[in-house]
Protein backbone atom coordinates (compact mmCIF):
# COMPACT_ATOMS: atom_id res chain seq x y z
CA UNK A 1 -195.07 -191.13 -122.40
CA UNK A 2 -192.52 -188.34 -122.18
CA UNK A 3 -189.52 -188.96 -119.94
CA UNK A 4 -189.46 -186.92 -116.74
CA UNK A 5 -186.89 -184.05 -117.10
CA UNK A 6 -186.74 -183.42 -113.31
CA UNK A 7 -186.98 -186.68 -111.41
CA UNK A 8 -187.71 -186.40 -107.74
CA UNK A 9 -184.60 -186.92 -105.49
CA UNK A 10 -184.46 -190.16 -103.64
CA UNK A 11 -183.89 -189.32 -99.97
CA UNK A 12 -182.23 -192.64 -99.30
CA UNK A 13 -179.76 -192.60 -102.15
CA UNK A 14 -177.13 -190.74 -100.26
CA UNK A 15 -177.52 -193.13 -97.33
CA UNK A 16 -176.73 -195.99 -99.68
CA UNK A 17 -173.50 -194.27 -100.75
CA UNK A 18 -172.52 -193.71 -97.13
CA UNK A 19 -173.19 -197.26 -96.08
CA UNK A 20 -171.20 -198.57 -99.00
CA UNK A 21 -168.27 -196.24 -98.63
CA UNK A 22 -167.93 -195.67 -94.86
CA UNK A 23 -166.40 -199.03 -93.86
CA UNK A 24 -163.85 -198.60 -96.68
CA UNK A 25 -162.92 -195.10 -95.58
CA UNK A 26 -162.80 -196.21 -91.96
CA UNK A 27 -160.47 -199.04 -92.92
CA UNK A 28 -158.23 -196.55 -94.64
CA UNK A 29 -158.20 -194.17 -91.63
CA UNK A 30 -157.73 -196.87 -88.93
CA UNK A 31 -154.14 -197.53 -88.00
CA UNK A 32 -152.86 -200.98 -88.85
CA UNK A 33 -152.47 -203.25 -85.84
CA UNK A 34 -148.86 -203.54 -84.73
CA UNK A 35 -146.76 -205.64 -82.41
CA UNK A 36 -144.55 -203.78 -80.01
CA UNK A 37 -141.60 -205.63 -78.45
CA UNK A 38 -140.23 -204.71 -74.99
CA UNK A 39 -137.09 -206.19 -73.49
CA UNK A 40 -137.67 -206.34 -69.70
CA UNK A 41 -135.42 -207.92 -67.06
CA UNK A 42 -136.00 -208.62 -63.36
CA UNK A 43 -132.88 -207.16 -61.77
CA UNK A 44 -131.56 -206.97 -58.20
CA UNK A 45 -130.83 -203.41 -57.10
CA UNK A 46 -130.41 -201.34 -53.94
CA UNK A 47 -133.36 -198.93 -53.44
CA UNK A 48 -133.45 -195.83 -51.26
CA UNK A 49 -136.93 -194.88 -50.15
CA UNK A 50 -135.87 -191.34 -49.02
CA UNK A 51 -132.66 -190.45 -50.85
CA UNK A 52 -132.08 -186.96 -49.43
CA UNK A 53 -132.08 -188.24 -45.82
CA UNK A 54 -134.55 -185.35 -45.05
CA UNK A 55 -138.35 -185.07 -44.73
CA UNK A 56 -139.29 -183.18 -47.88
CA UNK A 57 -142.83 -182.67 -46.64
CA UNK A 58 -141.79 -180.69 -43.52
CA UNK A 59 -138.60 -179.28 -45.08
CA UNK A 60 -136.56 -180.46 -42.14
CA UNK A 61 -134.92 -183.54 -40.61
CA UNK A 62 -136.87 -186.63 -39.79
CA UNK A 63 -138.37 -186.25 -36.24
CA UNK A 64 -138.75 -189.12 -33.74
CA UNK A 65 -142.31 -189.71 -34.80
CA UNK A 66 -141.26 -190.94 -38.24
CA UNK A 67 -137.81 -192.22 -37.58
CA UNK A 68 -139.04 -195.82 -37.30
CA UNK A 69 -139.41 -196.00 -41.12
CA UNK A 70 -136.14 -194.28 -42.11
CA UNK A 71 -133.49 -194.82 -39.41
CA UNK A 72 -130.81 -197.52 -39.79
CA UNK A 73 -129.11 -198.96 -36.70
CA UNK A 74 -128.50 -202.29 -35.08
CA UNK A 75 -132.21 -202.96 -34.93
CA UNK A 76 -133.81 -201.32 -37.95
CA UNK A 77 -132.94 -201.63 -41.56
CA UNK A 78 -133.75 -198.01 -42.46
CA UNK A 79 -134.21 -196.35 -45.91
CA UNK A 80 -132.17 -198.69 -48.20
CA UNK A 81 -133.33 -202.17 -49.12
CA UNK A 82 -132.35 -204.75 -51.73
CA UNK A 83 -135.14 -204.99 -54.31
CA UNK A 84 -136.04 -207.02 -57.34
CA UNK A 85 -137.32 -204.58 -60.03
CA UNK A 86 -138.45 -204.75 -63.60
CA UNK A 87 -136.17 -202.70 -65.87
CA UNK A 88 -136.28 -202.06 -69.64
CA UNK A 89 -133.34 -202.82 -71.85
CA UNK A 90 -132.45 -201.70 -75.42
CA UNK A 91 -132.43 -205.15 -77.02
CA UNK A 92 -132.27 -208.92 -76.48
CA UNK A 93 -128.63 -208.85 -75.31
CA UNK A 94 -129.84 -207.23 -72.06
CA UNK A 95 -126.55 -205.38 -71.87
CA UNK A 96 -127.76 -201.76 -72.21
CA UNK A 97 -130.44 -200.35 -69.95
CA UNK A 98 -132.96 -198.15 -71.81
CA UNK A 99 -132.92 -194.64 -70.46
CA UNK A 100 -136.14 -193.57 -68.79
CA UNK A 101 -137.31 -190.18 -70.19
CA UNK A 102 -137.37 -187.25 -67.80
CA UNK A 103 -141.20 -187.01 -67.98
CA UNK A 104 -141.38 -190.58 -66.59
CA UNK A 105 -138.81 -190.30 -63.79
CA UNK A 106 -141.75 -190.28 -61.38
CA UNK A 107 -142.31 -194.01 -62.03
CA UNK A 108 -139.64 -194.64 -59.39
CA UNK A 109 -139.29 -198.39 -58.72
CA UNK A 110 -142.18 -199.34 -60.93
CA UNK A 111 -141.38 -201.33 -64.04
CA UNK A 112 -141.26 -199.80 -67.47
CA UNK A 113 -144.50 -198.40 -68.96
CA UNK A 114 -145.93 -200.77 -71.64
CA UNK A 115 -148.32 -199.09 -74.09
CA UNK A 116 -150.66 -200.31 -76.84
CA UNK A 117 -153.90 -199.57 -78.67
CA UNK A 118 -156.84 -201.86 -79.00
CA UNK A 119 -155.97 -204.37 -81.75
CA UNK A 120 -152.26 -204.25 -81.15
CA UNK A 121 -150.09 -206.95 -79.53
CA UNK A 122 -147.63 -206.53 -76.72
CA UNK A 123 -144.62 -208.89 -76.98
CA UNK A 124 -142.31 -208.96 -73.94
CA UNK A 125 -138.90 -210.62 -74.01
CA UNK A 126 -138.29 -211.28 -70.35
CA UNK A 127 -135.05 -212.18 -68.65
CA UNK A 128 -134.77 -213.13 -65.01
CA UNK A 129 -131.51 -211.72 -63.53
CA UNK A 130 -132.54 -212.33 -59.97
CA UNK A 131 -131.76 -215.32 -57.65
CA UNK A 132 -135.37 -216.50 -57.49
CA UNK A 133 -137.98 -217.53 -60.05
CA UNK A 134 -139.95 -214.65 -61.48
CA UNK A 135 -142.60 -214.09 -64.18
CA UNK A 136 -144.77 -211.47 -65.83
CA UNK A 137 -148.50 -211.71 -65.37
CA UNK A 138 -150.70 -209.04 -67.03
CA UNK A 139 -154.11 -207.73 -66.08
CA UNK A 140 -156.79 -206.98 -68.62
CA UNK A 141 -155.15 -208.05 -71.89
CA UNK A 142 -155.55 -211.46 -73.65
CA UNK A 143 -153.12 -214.32 -73.14
CA UNK A 144 -152.69 -217.93 -73.74
CA UNK A 145 -151.53 -220.36 -71.06
CA UNK A 146 -147.91 -219.94 -72.26
CA UNK A 147 -148.16 -216.21 -71.48
CA UNK A 148 -150.14 -216.19 -68.25
CA UNK A 149 -147.14 -215.93 -65.95
CA UNK A 150 -148.76 -217.65 -62.96
CA UNK A 151 -148.36 -221.28 -61.63
CA UNK A 152 -151.47 -223.33 -60.88
CA UNK A 153 -152.76 -226.88 -61.29
CA UNK A 154 -154.38 -225.97 -64.54
CA UNK A 155 -153.84 -229.29 -66.40
CA UNK A 156 -151.22 -227.84 -68.72
CA UNK A 157 -147.66 -229.07 -69.40
CA UNK A 158 -144.55 -228.38 -71.50
CA UNK A 159 -144.45 -224.94 -73.15
CA UNK A 160 -147.64 -223.95 -71.34
CA UNK A 161 -145.77 -224.16 -67.99
CA UNK A 162 -142.53 -222.46 -69.00
CA UNK A 163 -144.07 -219.03 -68.36
CA UNK A 164 -145.19 -219.82 -64.80
CA UNK A 165 -141.89 -219.07 -63.13
CA UNK A 166 -138.83 -218.25 -65.14
CA UNK A 167 -135.69 -219.68 -63.46
CA UNK A 168 -132.73 -217.39 -62.64
CA UNK A 169 -130.67 -216.68 -65.79
CA UNK A 170 -133.41 -217.78 -68.14
CA UNK A 171 -135.48 -215.93 -70.76
CA UNK A 172 -139.10 -216.28 -71.74
CA UNK A 173 -141.26 -214.47 -74.39
CA UNK A 174 -144.74 -213.33 -73.33
CA UNK A 175 -147.27 -212.46 -76.03
CA UNK A 176 -150.35 -210.39 -75.04
CA UNK A 177 -152.89 -209.41 -77.71
CA UNK A 178 -155.06 -206.41 -76.86
CA UNK A 179 -158.72 -207.12 -77.73
CA UNK A 180 -161.57 -204.64 -77.42
CA UNK A 181 -162.42 -205.77 -73.90
CA UNK A 182 -158.95 -204.72 -72.82
CA UNK A 183 -159.52 -201.13 -73.99
CA UNK A 184 -161.61 -198.23 -72.67
CA UNK A 185 -165.34 -198.98 -72.19
CA UNK A 186 -168.07 -196.70 -73.39
CA UNK A 187 -167.84 -194.18 -70.55
CA UNK A 188 -164.08 -194.47 -69.95
CA UNK A 189 -161.61 -191.83 -71.09
CA UNK A 190 -159.54 -192.54 -74.23
CA UNK A 191 -156.91 -194.47 -72.28
CA UNK A 192 -156.97 -196.69 -69.21
CA UNK A 193 -154.58 -198.32 -66.87
CA UNK A 194 -153.73 -202.00 -66.37
CA UNK A 195 -150.80 -203.48 -64.52
CA UNK A 196 -148.39 -206.42 -64.77
CA UNK A 197 -146.44 -208.15 -61.97
CA UNK A 198 -144.59 -211.27 -61.15
CA UNK A 199 -146.78 -214.15 -60.00
CA UNK A 200 -144.27 -216.91 -59.48
CA UNK A 201 -144.66 -216.33 -55.70
CA UNK A 202 -146.93 -213.33 -55.77
CA UNK A 203 -146.50 -212.15 -52.20
CA UNK A 204 -142.69 -212.26 -52.20
CA UNK A 205 -142.42 -211.13 -55.84
CA UNK A 206 -144.51 -207.98 -55.54
CA UNK A 207 -143.14 -206.97 -52.14
CA UNK A 208 -139.68 -207.36 -53.61
CA UNK A 209 -140.77 -204.79 -56.23
CA UNK A 210 -141.82 -206.67 -59.34
CA UNK A 211 -144.77 -204.68 -60.63
CA UNK A 212 -145.35 -202.12 -63.40
CA UNK A 213 -147.98 -200.21 -65.40
CA UNK A 214 -149.66 -200.72 -68.84
CA UNK A 215 -151.70 -198.05 -70.62
CA UNK A 216 -154.20 -199.15 -73.27
CA UNK A 217 -155.83 -196.64 -75.63
CA UNK A 218 -158.84 -196.74 -77.98
CA UNK A 219 -157.91 -197.60 -81.54
CA UNK A 220 -157.05 -194.53 -83.59
CA UNK A 221 -156.92 -192.11 -80.68
CA UNK A 222 -153.15 -191.81 -80.16
CA UNK A 223 -150.22 -189.82 -81.49
CA UNK A 224 -147.34 -191.58 -83.28
CA UNK A 225 -145.55 -192.03 -79.92
CA UNK A 226 -148.62 -193.88 -78.46
CA UNK A 227 -149.76 -191.06 -76.16
CA UNK A 228 -153.45 -190.24 -76.23
CA UNK A 229 -154.30 -187.22 -78.46
CA UNK A 230 -156.64 -185.63 -75.95
CA UNK A 231 -153.99 -185.54 -73.18
CA UNK A 232 -151.01 -183.25 -72.62
CA UNK A 233 -149.44 -184.89 -69.60
CA UNK A 234 -149.68 -188.43 -68.17
CA UNK A 235 -148.71 -189.46 -64.61
CA UNK A 236 -148.75 -192.95 -63.05
CA UNK A 237 -148.78 -193.23 -59.24
CA UNK A 238 -148.89 -196.43 -57.30
CA UNK A 239 -150.11 -196.07 -53.73
CA UNK A 240 -148.10 -199.06 -52.45
CA UNK A 241 -147.80 -200.43 -49.02
CA UNK A 242 -144.63 -202.53 -49.33
CA UNK A 243 -144.21 -205.35 -46.79
CA UNK A 244 -140.41 -205.80 -46.73
CA UNK A 245 -140.95 -208.56 -44.18
CA UNK A 246 -142.45 -210.66 -47.00
CA UNK A 247 -139.76 -209.84 -49.61
CA UNK A 248 -137.33 -212.39 -51.04
CA UNK A 249 -134.51 -210.18 -49.63
CA UNK A 250 -135.37 -209.79 -45.91
CA UNK A 251 -132.36 -211.72 -44.56
CA UNK A 252 -129.99 -209.93 -46.94
CA UNK A 253 -131.36 -206.56 -45.84
CA UNK A 254 -130.99 -207.43 -42.13
CA UNK A 255 -127.46 -208.60 -42.57
CA UNK A 256 -126.40 -205.70 -44.84
CA UNK A 257 -128.11 -202.70 -43.39
CA UNK A 258 -128.37 -203.40 -39.71
CA UNK A 259 -124.99 -204.86 -39.17
CA UNK A 260 -126.63 -207.49 -37.06
CA UNK A 261 -126.98 -210.79 -38.94
CA UNK A 262 -129.85 -212.77 -37.46
CA UNK A 263 -133.06 -214.55 -38.40
CA UNK A 264 -136.08 -212.62 -37.01
CA UNK A 265 -138.67 -214.48 -35.04
CA UNK A 266 -142.07 -214.90 -36.70
CA UNK A 267 -143.73 -212.62 -34.07
CA UNK A 268 -141.39 -209.79 -35.19
CA UNK A 269 -142.56 -209.89 -38.74
CA UNK A 270 -146.01 -208.46 -38.15
CA UNK A 271 -147.47 -204.97 -38.38
CA UNK A 272 -147.86 -204.63 -34.59
CA UNK A 273 -144.21 -205.32 -33.79
CA UNK A 274 -141.84 -202.35 -34.01
CA UNK A 275 -139.46 -204.27 -36.26
CA UNK A 276 -142.23 -205.53 -38.55
CA UNK A 277 -143.81 -202.13 -38.66
CA UNK A 278 -140.47 -200.46 -39.58
CA UNK A 279 -140.33 -202.77 -42.64
CA UNK A 280 -143.78 -201.73 -43.83
CA UNK A 281 -143.23 -198.89 -46.25
CA UNK A 282 -146.25 -196.73 -47.22
CA UNK A 283 -144.92 -195.45 -50.48
CA UNK A 284 -145.83 -193.64 -53.69
CA UNK A 285 -143.90 -195.34 -56.48
CA UNK A 286 -141.34 -196.48 -53.89
CA UNK A 287 -140.75 -193.04 -52.22
CA UNK A 288 -141.57 -191.73 -48.77
CA UNK A 289 -142.05 -188.28 -47.22
CA UNK A 290 -142.07 -186.10 -50.32
CA UNK A 291 -139.26 -187.80 -52.32
CA UNK A 292 -141.41 -188.80 -55.33
CA UNK A 293 -139.99 -186.62 -58.15
CA UNK A 294 -141.40 -185.33 -61.46
CA UNK A 295 -145.09 -184.75 -60.76
CA UNK A 296 -145.02 -181.60 -62.90
CA UNK A 297 -147.50 -179.99 -65.28
CA UNK A 298 -148.49 -176.53 -66.59
CA UNK A 299 -151.52 -174.43 -65.98
CA UNK A 300 -154.41 -175.42 -68.21
CA UNK A 301 -152.86 -178.68 -69.50
CA UNK A 302 -154.99 -181.79 -69.92
CA UNK A 303 -153.41 -184.10 -67.32
CA UNK A 304 -154.33 -187.72 -66.95
CA UNK A 305 -153.54 -189.41 -63.60
CA UNK A 306 -153.36 -193.21 -63.59
CA UNK A 307 -153.65 -194.51 -60.02
CA UNK A 308 -153.04 -198.06 -58.78
CA UNK A 309 -152.58 -200.08 -55.55
CA UNK A 310 -150.93 -203.45 -54.99
CA UNK A 311 -151.23 -206.74 -53.22
CA UNK A 312 -151.13 -206.00 -49.52
CA UNK A 313 -153.78 -204.74 -47.12
CA UNK A 314 -154.31 -201.67 -49.34
CA UNK A 315 -156.99 -199.16 -48.56
CA UNK A 316 -156.03 -195.68 -49.92
CA UNK A 317 -157.72 -192.30 -50.40
CA UNK A 318 -155.47 -190.32 -52.81
CA UNK A 319 -156.17 -186.60 -52.31
CA UNK A 320 -155.03 -183.67 -54.45
CA UNK A 321 -154.62 -180.26 -52.78
CA UNK A 322 -155.23 -177.16 -54.83
CA UNK A 323 -157.03 -178.67 -57.88
CA UNK A 324 -159.81 -181.09 -58.74
CA UNK A 325 -160.18 -184.06 -61.05
CA UNK A 326 -162.92 -185.79 -62.97
CA UNK A 327 -163.12 -189.50 -61.95
CA UNK A 328 -165.87 -191.88 -63.03
CA UNK A 329 -167.61 -188.85 -64.64
CA UNK A 330 -167.75 -187.10 -61.23
CA UNK A 331 -165.88 -184.02 -59.98
CA UNK A 332 -163.82 -184.76 -56.90
CA UNK A 333 -160.44 -184.24 -55.23
CA UNK A 334 -160.27 -187.67 -53.44
CA UNK A 335 -160.10 -191.07 -55.19
CA UNK A 336 -160.63 -194.53 -53.70
CA UNK A 337 -158.25 -197.46 -54.13
CA UNK A 338 -158.43 -200.96 -52.72
CA UNK A 339 -156.03 -203.94 -53.13
CA UNK A 340 -154.91 -204.14 -56.80
CA UNK A 341 -157.35 -201.39 -57.68
CA UNK A 342 -156.84 -199.08 -60.73
CA UNK A 343 -158.37 -195.65 -61.52
CA UNK A 344 -158.04 -192.93 -64.12
CA UNK A 345 -158.65 -189.25 -63.26
CA UNK A 346 -158.45 -186.27 -65.54
CA UNK A 347 -157.32 -182.82 -64.35
CA UNK A 348 -157.13 -179.42 -66.02
CA UNK A 349 -155.20 -177.51 -63.34
CA UNK A 350 -156.30 -173.91 -62.79
CA UNK A 351 -154.37 -173.18 -59.62
CA UNK A 352 -150.58 -172.82 -60.01
CA UNK A 353 -148.23 -173.75 -57.22
CA UNK A 354 -146.68 -176.70 -55.43
CA UNK A 355 -149.42 -178.80 -53.82
CA UNK A 356 -149.64 -181.83 -51.55
CA UNK A 357 -150.73 -185.14 -53.04
CA UNK A 358 -151.17 -187.87 -50.43
CA UNK A 359 -153.20 -190.74 -48.99
CA UNK A 360 -155.83 -189.54 -46.54
CA UNK A 361 -155.59 -192.70 -44.39
CA UNK A 362 -154.14 -191.33 -41.19
CA UNK A 363 -151.61 -194.13 -40.65
CA UNK A 364 -150.36 -193.85 -44.22
CA UNK A 365 -149.85 -190.09 -43.75
CA UNK A 366 -147.67 -190.70 -40.70
CA UNK A 367 -145.73 -193.46 -42.49
CA UNK A 368 -144.80 -191.15 -45.36
CA UNK A 369 -147.34 -191.70 -48.14
CA UNK A 370 -147.06 -188.10 -49.20
CA UNK A 371 -145.70 -186.18 -52.20
CA UNK A 372 -145.80 -182.82 -53.96
CA UNK A 373 -147.04 -182.00 -57.40
CA UNK A 374 -146.26 -178.73 -59.14
CA UNK A 375 -148.47 -176.73 -61.48
CA UNK A 376 -146.27 -174.23 -63.30
CA UNK A 377 -147.60 -171.16 -65.08
CA UNK A 378 -147.86 -171.20 -68.85
CA UNK A 379 -145.01 -169.39 -70.58
CA UNK A 380 -145.16 -167.23 -73.66
CA UNK A 381 -146.03 -169.24 -76.75
CA UNK A 382 -147.48 -172.20 -74.86
């Protein structure tokens, strides 16, 4: 029998080659998992909720209708409060604060942004510089009992309890691997938001200010600096109703900023009492009445908004004037947040100008949960 000079092609031969080579090529292309170390301290600082002393939404002085939340006198604390805040340092000496880049100045009193891809590990060297126990408890990522950052009767002991509440002046290392279930799901965008906060005494800790954001991206979808490749501008905004009546620092703030040292009665520390109400701050990243800085972008940029709320009686309706977003695969200009809720919205602004961004809950509007964001025109070459 003569050999066939023109054998028929095998339609499945190429498929065999692809199946054999694709995993190898994917392994070559996929970035290697890495561990990123952050040096974070809980520090005690003085925080001004409205630094200019003016109402930047109206462009004028605070009127009598909003003075309750900003005036300081013998009865009310005012705009400035002692806070416990997470701050990032350059190294394990905790001597040099790490400078926050200009594009992230809008984080305000939130802790430093922690960032990773699926498969990476976050390692946080935490030092407690406050006068009360504090911890770092993450949402979403993986952790063992020694890195949970929350006390409970969980039948653990020794090293597995050291993370629960780090004493003043002490240091603890938290290790948080980032598995697939911590990353974006099938219909999520390429990066999503989680948060971390102190959980030693959650109510006092978070109201004192100990909370911050984490951004987790799909594996292989980021630039060398960790930012998602399909995004030009990222913004994190916490719609945060801060109950200063429940903070570690209430007595200090009364003594220091009212000039009237006293211990308030329990009935004064409620939302329906003028004193208690004055200490309830409806903020965006710790700012009131238009003081949130740095919400800037350019026309046509791909802007990703990461939104969050915190531990109190939080019901928020963030609303963008002038432009729209895609949230949960739907077009909208109003989001929905509940207590400890998180959401991601993508915007491609087509309407330049300075626009309101605020909570649509009436009481929160009156209390100052309002800001501006600015869409600048594109310049030549951009």
